[in-house]
Amino acid sequence: MKKLIVFIVVVILLTLWGFGLILPDAGYVLVILGTKTVETSLWFACFTVLIVALLWWLTTRFLLVSWSLAQRLTDFFVFGTTERASKRAASGLIDFLSGDWVQARKKLLRTATKVETPLVNYLAAARASAEMGDQEEAVRILNEAQKKYTHFAVPIGVAQAKLEINNGRFEQAKIILLTLQQKAPKNPIVINSLRELYEARQDWLALGGIFPLIKKYKVCSVAETSAIESSVMAGQLSLASTTAQHAAVADRVNILRKAWGKVPAYQQRSPRVVAAYAKALIDNLQDHEAEVVLRKTLGKSWDESLVDLYGILRVVDIADAIRNAETWLKYYPQSAPLLRALGRLNLRNHLWGIARDYFQRSLAVQKNAETYAELARLLNNLGDAQKSMEVYQAALQLSVASLPDLPQPTKGY
């Protein structure tokens, strides 16, 4: 490169000198500075400009080289050998774990090129920048790492995607992760990152699309994998519910049954999935179908979230639903949700006194803001406004964190 620059300069000088011999009277240059004037030949002026430009380039080059040399000398005296740099990097990681983001980033970046595992330094430094709110610096660090270490494309790309997610730029994160998946379709880190993205966005269709990969490559534990599948099934049933709501009432049950038929048999026993299906049926005015599903499931496996849904059913034979719930009460007499459900079912049957008793029994087992609200509403409509206000106040105290100890006015002030 240096030889090329010297060669070009020599050629230009010889060219100018040659033109000066061939065309000695090519013209002149007149420079006026205030009251001073300078007159010279065109070729001499060109030669002078070239020399000045060359001197400027040499000066700036000298300064840059000197600065680079000074940095290298500083790094040598501060970090010295690879062993000393490794200790400094370890200190930076300790700062990172301690939350000292400024020192962590400084030490990790200065030692990144001198340790055996530079990727760790770059990723931690980027994370430190993100923690400080300096998103642009975090992106710059990751981009620099990606240019220097192309063979680390996957971990760097995942870090970039998570940075985008933290900034709320989900589409950009999705593009990055899908691009990485094309390069490394079996990589569990990429698959798991996509899983986290889809779960955060509640994109159940997309999550269902990669679920076979989650299961095949054992991205999560067995329990987590089962929970993810339940989330997918519940989410897709919720989507089916939304679709059904735009159809005629007579067609809704068939749409929901079709969606339920796509759920694996073992997932049809999951309380979360059953709850999603029952709620979809209730939301689409198919309460009788929901009652059958809930009753059969609760008869095999008790789950209090399903009992809550049973309590809001709008079935024609409400007395039969009450009898079913009272049968369960023999086995689960201390179930607060079941007692609340019985209170609600009796409300639907216009048995106000029995409903009130069930709400009170439920609160005796477990204080719950929702049960308090049900009881307060009932008491108010029964004409007992004073008692209703007391119950509402109890619900408020339950739902609000304890207040600080502050001076209050005396009663009657």
Foldseek 3Di string as FASTA:
>chain_A
DVVVVVVVLVVVLVVLVVCCVVCVPPDKDWDDDPPDIDIGRPSVVVVVVSVVVVVVVVVVVVVVVVVVVVLVVVLCVCQNALVSLVVLLVVLVVCLVVLVLVSNLVSLVSSLVSYPCSVVSLLSNLVSCVVVVNNVVSVVSLVVVCVVCVVPLVVSLLSVLVSCVVVVNLVVSVVSLVVVCVVPVLDLSSLVSVLVSCVVVVVLVVNVVCLVSCVVNVSDPPVVSLVSLLSSLLSVLLVLLVVLVPDDLVCSVVSNVVSVVVRDPVSLLPPSNLLSSLVSCVSSVNLVVSLVSLLVSCVPPNDLVSLLSLLPGDDPPLVVSLVSLVVVCVVVVLRLSSLQSNLSSVVSVVVLVSSLVSLVSSVVSPNDLVSLQVNLVSCVVVVNPVVSVVSNVVSVPVVDPDDDDDDDDDPPD
